[in-house]
Amino acid sequence: MTHPKVTIIVLNWNGIKDTVKCLDSLKKIHYSNFEIIVVDNASNGNDVEILKEKYKDEIILIENKENLGFAIGNNNGMKYALEKGTDYVLLLNNDTVVDPLFLDELIKITEKDSEIGIASPKMYYMNPPNVLWSAGGKINWYIGHWLIGKDKKDNGQFDEMVYVDFNPGACMLIKRETIEKIGYLPTEYFLQWEDIDYCIKAKKNGFKCIYVPKSKIWHKVLASYNKKNLNHASVILGFRNRIIFRHKYLSHLKFVFFTVCFIIIVIPIHILYYLFCYRDLHRIRSLLTGTLMGFNEVLLNNKKHYRTLLYSDFFR
């Protein structure tokens, strides 16, 4: 087996404890030809100092002056990696730990087929570690999207390698040729939906997205959110971004059909779910806020940047 060069990019934002666990697990992988870039998105504490001291000669550290979000943060690392001649970029969430053979298995499959542009492993929850978080992703363009196998105990039922609609951004192996053809991660979302958008763009340009079950990692899930604001930030971004995503890829007629389904099916179901399961009116306000933001941006062609308005409240 050949060993093409892989650049692993880990994005850190006020998550040094998780990042250290992730980096320590990467020390144990068997794959021989890789480097690690840690991109710090302007963490508030002493994250950068700890990284410099603990991993002085083991990582390349990129320090952003502000929290640029998931896409721009990772794009900075990707640009550096391509300039240095990498063959693959692996985007890896800082709240993950990896199996020692995870990268060998991903490379083994992607090297066999030139049409494979993006690959992802079998992903488990950190706790319980035998319960699946993702075996790839599926999209219904009018109703929603979901992670295959999510919340199911792994009994081998997802051990078949399959092509998927999207690979979750928690761990995405991307070929250099993919990036050279379709560019970097989309920046209009700030957080959530970049991975889905990127995979759809790759597939529209002739690449395949594949799930590799022999490659395994464990994911803490949503560690980057402030727990106090977790659900509300996630709801706002989730509803805003799904509208932007559909408007970007659907025809006008199909977007109208999506809008009808969204209003008469998706929103009522979520409102009932939030009322009966969480009894949280703040979630409903967040749903409506995200929905209004999304339609305002795509239908009224309002290009106002919402980062200061929205994100500073949740992510600083």
Protein backbone atom coordinates (compact mmCIF):
# COMPACT_ATOMS: atom_id res chain seq x y z
CA MET A 1 0.00 0.00 0.00
CA THR A 2 1.25 3.46 -0.90
CA HIS A 3 1.27 6.14 1.77
CA PRO A 4 0.20 9.47 0.25
CA LYS A 5 0.70 12.49 2.45
CA VAL A 6 -2.27 13.36 4.67
CA THR A 7 -2.70 16.66 6.49
CA ILE A 8 -5.00 16.36 9.51
CA ILE A 9 -6.68 19.64 10.44
CA VAL A 10 -8.09 20.07 13.94
CA LEU A 11 -10.04 23.25 14.70
CA ASN A 12 -9.86 24.47 18.30
CA TRP A 13 -12.01 27.07 20.00
CA ASN A 14 -11.92 27.13 23.80
CA GLY A 15 -11.74 23.35 23.80
CA ILE A 16 -8.22 22.57 24.89
CA LYS A 17 -9.12 19.54 27.03
CA ASP A 18 -10.89 17.87 24.10
CA THR A 19 -8.16 18.94 21.68
CA VAL A 20 -5.44 17.40 23.84
CA LYS A 21 -7.32 14.08 23.96
CA CYS A 22 -7.75 14.19 20.18
CA LEU A 23 -4.10 14.96 19.51
CA ASP A 24 -2.94 12.29 21.95
CA SER A 25 -5.07 9.71 20.12
CA LEU A 26 -3.54 10.81 16.81
CA LYS A 27 -0.09 10.06 18.24
CA LYS A 28 -1.08 6.38 18.31
CA ILE A 29 -2.20 5.96 14.71
CA HIS A 30 -0.31 3.50 12.51
CA TYR A 31 -0.33 5.55 9.33
CA SER A 32 3.16 6.88 8.68
CA ASN A 33 2.89 9.85 6.30
CA PHE A 34 0.86 12.57 7.98
CA GLU A 35 1.13 15.97 9.61
CA ILE A 36 -1.21 17.77 11.99
CA ILE A 37 -2.36 21.37 11.71
CA VAL A 38 -4.22 22.86 14.66
CA VAL A 39 -6.16 26.00 13.80
CA ASP A 40 -7.08 28.04 16.86
CA ASN A 41 -10.13 30.22 16.32
CA ALA A 42 -9.16 32.96 18.80
CA SER A 43 -9.71 31.00 22.01
CA ASN A 44 -10.25 33.13 25.10
CA GLY A 45 -8.03 31.24 27.53
CA ASN A 46 -4.53 29.80 27.40
CA ASP A 47 -5.28 27.19 24.73
CA VAL A 48 -2.56 28.46 22.38
CA GLU A 49 0.09 28.48 25.10
CA ILE A 50 -0.75 24.91 26.11
CA LEU A 51 -0.60 23.73 22.49
CA LYS A 52 2.76 25.39 21.94
CA GLU A 53 4.21 23.91 25.11
CA LYS A 54 2.77 20.40 24.86
CA TYR A 55 3.08 19.83 21.10
CA LYS A 56 5.97 22.12 20.20
CA ASP A 57 7.51 19.93 17.49
CA GLU A 58 4.46 17.78 16.68
CA ILE A 59 1.93 20.17 15.18
CA ILE A 60 1.71 23.19 12.92
CA LEU A 61 -0.25 25.88 14.76
CA ILE A 62 -2.29 28.51 12.93
CA GLU A 63 -3.66 31.31 15.13
CA ASN A 64 -6.71 33.17 13.88
CA LYS A 65 -7.29 36.63 15.35
CA GLU A 66 -11.05 36.08 15.66
CA ASN A 67 -13.53 33.22 15.73
CA LEU A 68 -13.99 32.78 11.99
CA GLY A 69 -16.34 29.81 12.22
CA PHE A 70 -15.97 26.23 11.06
CA ALA A 71 -15.51 26.84 7.34
CA ILE A 72 -13.04 29.74 7.30
CA GLY A 73 -11.06 28.23 10.16
CA ASN A 74 -10.65 24.93 8.33
CA ASN A 75 -10.11 26.65 4.99
CA ASN A 76 -7.06 28.43 6.41
CA GLY A 77 -5.61 25.06 7.29
CA MET A 78 -6.55 23.54 3.93
CA LYS A 79 -4.87 26.34 1.98
CA TYR A 80 -1.67 25.90 3.96
CA ALA A 81 -1.77 22.12 3.39
CA LEU A 82 -2.25 22.40 -0.37
CA GLU A 83 0.55 24.95 -0.66
CA LYS A 84 2.84 22.42 1.06
CA GLY A 85 1.90 19.68 -1.41
CA THR A 86 -0.39 17.40 0.59
CA ASP A 87 -2.32 14.61 -1.18
CA TYR A 88 -5.24 14.49 1.24
CA VAL A 89 -6.81 16.77 3.84
CA LEU A 90 -8.55 15.20 6.81
CA LEU A 91 -10.92 17.50 8.71
CA LEU A 92 -11.28 16.20 12.25
CA ASN A 93 -13.34 17.65 15.09
CA ASN A 94 -11.35 18.37 18.21
CA ASP A 95 -13.88 16.46 20.36
CA THR A 96 -13.01 13.11 18.78
CA VAL A 97 -10.60 10.29 19.49
CA VAL A 98 -9.54 7.90 16.76
CA ASP A 99 -8.82 4.22 16.31
CA PRO A 100 -5.13 3.62 15.51
CA LEU A 101 -6.03 2.17 12.09
CA PHE A 102 -8.72 4.68 11.13
CA LEU A 103 -6.58 6.55 8.61
CA ASP A 104 -5.09 3.40 7.04
CA GLU A 105 -8.61 2.14 6.31
CA LEU A 106 -9.75 5.44 4.79
CA ILE A 107 -6.70 5.72 2.55
CA LYS A 108 -6.92 2.08 1.51
CA ILE A 109 -10.40 2.63 0.07
CA THR A 110 -9.94 6.09 -1.45
CA GLU A 111 -6.75 5.06 -3.24
CA LYS A 112 -8.59 2.23 -5.02
CA ASP A 113 -11.04 4.51 -6.84
CA SER A 114 -10.09 7.81 -8.46
CA GLU A 115 -13.75 8.89 -8.43
CA ILE A 116 -13.96 8.88 -4.63
CA GLY A 117 -13.60 12.47 -3.52
CA ILE A 118 -14.61 12.36 0.15
CA ALA A 119 -14.65 9.54 2.70
CA SER A 120 -15.75 9.23 6.32
CA PRO A 121 -15.42 6.57 9.04
CA LYS A 122 -17.91 4.83 11.28
CA MET A 123 -18.48 7.29 14.11
CA TYR A 124 -19.53 6.33 17.63
CA TYR A 125 -20.58 8.43 20.57
CA MET A 126 -17.83 8.88 23.11
CA ASN A 127 -20.31 7.62 25.69
CA PRO A 128 -21.67 5.00 25.30
CA PRO A 129 -18.81 3.95 23.01
CA ASN A 130 -20.69 1.13 21.25
CA VAL A 131 -23.58 3.34 20.09
CA LEU A 132 -23.36 4.86 16.62
CA TRP A 133 -23.44 8.55 15.93
CA SER A 134 -23.03 8.25 12.15
CA ALA A 135 -22.64 5.75 9.36
CA GLY A 136 -22.85 8.49 6.74
CA GLY A 137 -25.64 10.92 5.92
CA LYS A 138 -28.83 11.06 3.84
CA ILE A 139 -30.82 14.03 2.55
CA ASN A 140 -34.47 14.54 1.72
CA TRP A 141 -34.47 17.82 -0.17
CA TYR A 142 -37.94 18.82 1.04
CA ILE A 143 -38.19 17.51 4.60
CA GLY A 144 -34.77 17.15 6.21
CA HIS A 145 -31.53 15.24 6.59
CA TRP A 146 -30.32 12.57 8.97
CA LEU A 147 -27.32 10.56 10.05
CA ILE A 148 -27.54 6.89 9.12
CA GLY A 149 -27.44 4.59 12.15
CA LYS A 150 -27.65 7.44 14.67
CA ASP A 151 -28.36 6.27 18.25
CA LYS A 152 -28.30 2.59 17.30
CA LYS A 153 -26.15 0.05 19.10
CA ASP A 154 -23.56 -1.34 16.72
CA ASN A 155 -24.36 -4.99 16.06
CA GLY A 156 -22.65 -5.07 12.68
CA GLN A 157 -25.72 -3.88 10.78
CA PHE A 158 -23.74 -0.94 9.29
CA ASP A 159 -20.61 -2.84 8.30
CA GLU A 160 -21.19 -2.49 4.57
CA MET A 161 -19.24 0.16 2.70
CA VAL A 162 -21.74 2.40 0.87
CA TYR A 163 -21.93 5.64 -1.08
CA VAL A 164 -23.73 8.35 0.89
CA ASP A 165 -25.37 11.71 0.27
CA PHE A 166 -22.91 13.42 2.60
CA ASN A 167 -20.04 12.77 4.98
CA PRO A 168 -20.32 14.41 8.42
CA GLY A 169 -17.79 17.18 8.93
CA ALA A 170 -16.66 15.66 12.25
CA CYS A 171 -14.31 13.54 10.13
CA MET A 172 -13.95 14.02 6.38
CA LEU A 173 -11.04 12.76 4.29
CA ILE A 174 -10.86 14.91 1.16
CA LYS A 175 -8.69 14.23 -1.87
CA ARG A 176 -6.51 17.04 -3.15
CA GLU A 177 -8.16 16.71 -6.57
CA THR A 178 -11.54 17.39 -5.00
CA ILE A 179 -10.39 20.64 -3.43
CA GLU A 180 -8.61 21.73 -6.60
CA LYS A 181 -11.80 21.22 -8.62
CA ILE A 182 -14.53 22.53 -6.29
CA GLY A 183 -12.62 24.84 -3.96
CA TYR A 184 -12.82 25.20 -0.20
CA LEU A 185 -15.65 24.88 2.31
CA PRO A 186 -18.58 27.28 1.80
CA THR A 187 -18.45 30.22 4.19
CA GLU A 188 -22.06 31.42 4.30
CA TYR A 189 -23.16 29.10 7.13
CA PHE A 190 -20.61 29.89 9.89
CA LEU A 191 -21.40 26.54 11.57
CA GLN A 192 -23.51 23.53 10.43
CA TRP A 193 -24.31 22.54 6.83
CA GLU A 194 -20.83 23.23 5.41
CA ASP A 195 -20.17 19.50 5.23
CA ILE A 196 -23.47 18.73 3.50
CA ASP A 197 -23.03 21.58 1.03
CA TYR A 198 -19.45 20.54 0.26
CA CYS A 199 -20.41 16.92 -0.40
CA ILE A 200 -23.29 17.90 -2.66
CA LYS A 201 -20.98 20.18 -4.62
CA ALA A 202 -18.41 17.37 -4.90
CA LYS A 203 -21.04 14.94 -6.19
CA LYS A 204 -22.31 17.46 -8.72
CA ASN A 205 -18.74 17.65 -10.01
CA GLY A 206 -18.41 13.91 -10.52
CA PHE A 207 -16.93 12.76 -7.21
CA LYS A 208 -18.28 10.01 -4.94
CA CYS A 209 -18.80 10.28 -1.20
CA ILE A 210 -18.23 7.02 0.65
CA TYR A 211 -18.69 5.58 4.15
CA VAL A 212 -15.88 3.26 5.31
CA PRO A 213 -17.02 1.10 8.26
CA LYS A 214 -13.62 -0.42 9.05
CA SER A 215 -12.40 3.08 9.91
CA LYS A 216 -13.62 4.09 13.39
CA ILE A 217 -13.62 7.16 15.61
CA TRP A 218 -15.49 8.29 18.74
CA HIS A 219 -17.20 11.69 18.89
CA LYS A 220 -18.19 13.70 21.97
CA VAL A 221 -20.75 15.60 19.83
CA LEU A 222 -21.47 19.34 20.00
CA ALA A 223 -18.62 20.12 22.36
CA SER A 224 -18.02 23.50 20.67
CA TYR A 225 -21.28 24.98 21.83
CA ASN A 226 -21.62 26.79 25.12
CA LYS A 227 -23.86 24.36 27.03
CA LYS A 228 -25.96 27.17 28.45
CA ASN A 229 -26.91 28.27 24.93
CA LEU A 230 -26.42 24.95 23.17
CA ASN A 231 -29.93 24.22 22.00
CA HIS A 232 -30.84 27.75 21.00
CA ALA A 233 -27.71 28.42 18.95
CA SER A 234 -28.08 25.04 17.27
CA VAL A 235 -31.76 25.67 16.45
CA ILE A 236 -31.16 29.14 15.01
CA LEU A 237 -28.28 28.03 12.82
CA GLY A 238 -29.99 24.80 11.83
CA PHE A 239 -33.13 26.48 10.51
CA ARG A 240 -31.36 29.43 8.92
CA ASN A 241 -28.82 27.26 7.15
CA ARG A 242 -31.20 24.63 5.78
CA ILE A 243 -33.06 27.41 3.96
CA ILE A 244 -29.88 28.90 2.53
CA PHE A 245 -28.71 25.45 1.43
CA ARG A 246 -31.95 24.62 -0.43
CA HIS A 247 -32.07 27.99 -2.11
CA LYS A 248 -28.51 27.48 -3.30
CA TYR A 249 -29.14 24.12 -5.00
CA LEU A 250 -32.85 23.83 -5.84
CA SER A 251 -34.56 25.31 -8.89
CA HIS A 252 -37.07 28.11 -8.23
CA LEU A 253 -40.01 25.73 -8.55
CA LYS A 254 -38.47 23.13 -6.27
CA PHE A 255 -37.58 25.80 -3.73
CA VAL A 256 -41.23 26.89 -3.67
CA PHE A 257 -42.22 23.27 -3.02
CA PHE A 258 -39.59 23.05 -0.27
CA THR A 259 -40.98 26.25 1.29
CA VAL A 260 -44.52 24.83 1.35
CA CYS A 261 -43.32 21.58 2.95
CA PHE A 262 -41.20 23.54 5.38
CA ILE A 263 -44.11 25.72 6.53
CA ILE A 264 -46.85 23.09 6.74
CA ILE A 265 -44.82 20.06 7.85
CA VAL A 266 -41.35 20.81 9.21
CA ILE A 267 -42.08 23.85 11.38
CA PRO A 268 -45.29 22.45 13.03
CA ILE A 269 -43.58 19.12 13.81
CA HIS A 270 -40.63 20.89 15.42
CA ILE A 271 -42.84 23.26 17.41
CA LEU A 272 -44.82 20.33 18.82
CA TYR A 273 -41.60 18.46 19.56
CA TYR A 274 -40.10 21.42 21.42
CA LEU A 275 -43.31 21.98 23.37
CA PHE A 276 -43.91 18.41 24.48
CA CYS A 277 -40.33 17.17 24.84
CA TYR A 278 -38.56 20.28 26.12
CA ARG A 279 -41.40 22.62 27.19
CA ASP A 280 -39.12 25.41 26.08
CA LEU A 281 -40.58 28.49 24.39
CA HIS A 282 -37.08 29.83 23.83
CA ARG A 283 -36.47 27.00 21.37
CA ILE A 284 -39.55 28.00 19.42
CA ARG A 285 -38.37 31.62 19.32
CA SER A 286 -35.01 30.36 18.08
CA LEU A 287 -36.74 28.30 15.39
CA LEU A 288 -38.66 31.36 14.20
CA THR A 289 -35.55 33.56 14.40
CA GLY A 290 -33.52 31.17 12.28
CA THR A 291 -36.36 30.75 9.79
CA LEU A 292 -36.82 34.51 9.38
CA MET A 293 -33.09 34.99 8.98
CA GLY A 294 -32.90 32.32 6.30
CA PHE A 295 -35.79 33.59 4.20
CA ASN A 296 -34.70 37.19 4.69
CA GLU A 297 -31.28 36.38 3.25
CA VAL A 298 -32.41 34.33 0.27
CA LEU A 299 -35.76 35.85 -0.70
CA LEU A 300 -35.18 39.51 0.10
CA ASN A 301 -31.59 39.28 -1.14
CA ASN A 302 -30.48 40.85 2.12
CA LYS A 303 -26.71 40.36 2.26
CA LYS A 304 -26.36 41.75 5.77
CA HIS A 305 -23.77 39.76 7.69
CA TYR A 306 -25.35 38.32 10.83
CA ARG A 307 -22.12 37.27 12.54
CA THR A 308 -22.02 40.21 14.99
CA LEU A 309 -25.77 40.08 15.61
CA LEU A 310 -26.06 36.36 16.20
CA TYR A 311 -22.80 34.56 16.70
CA SER A 312 -21.14 36.83 19.23
CA ASP A 313 -23.92 35.99 21.69
CA PHE A 314 -23.34 32.26 21.41
CA PHE A 315 -19.73 31.65 20.47
CA ARG A 316 -17.60 34.17 22.33
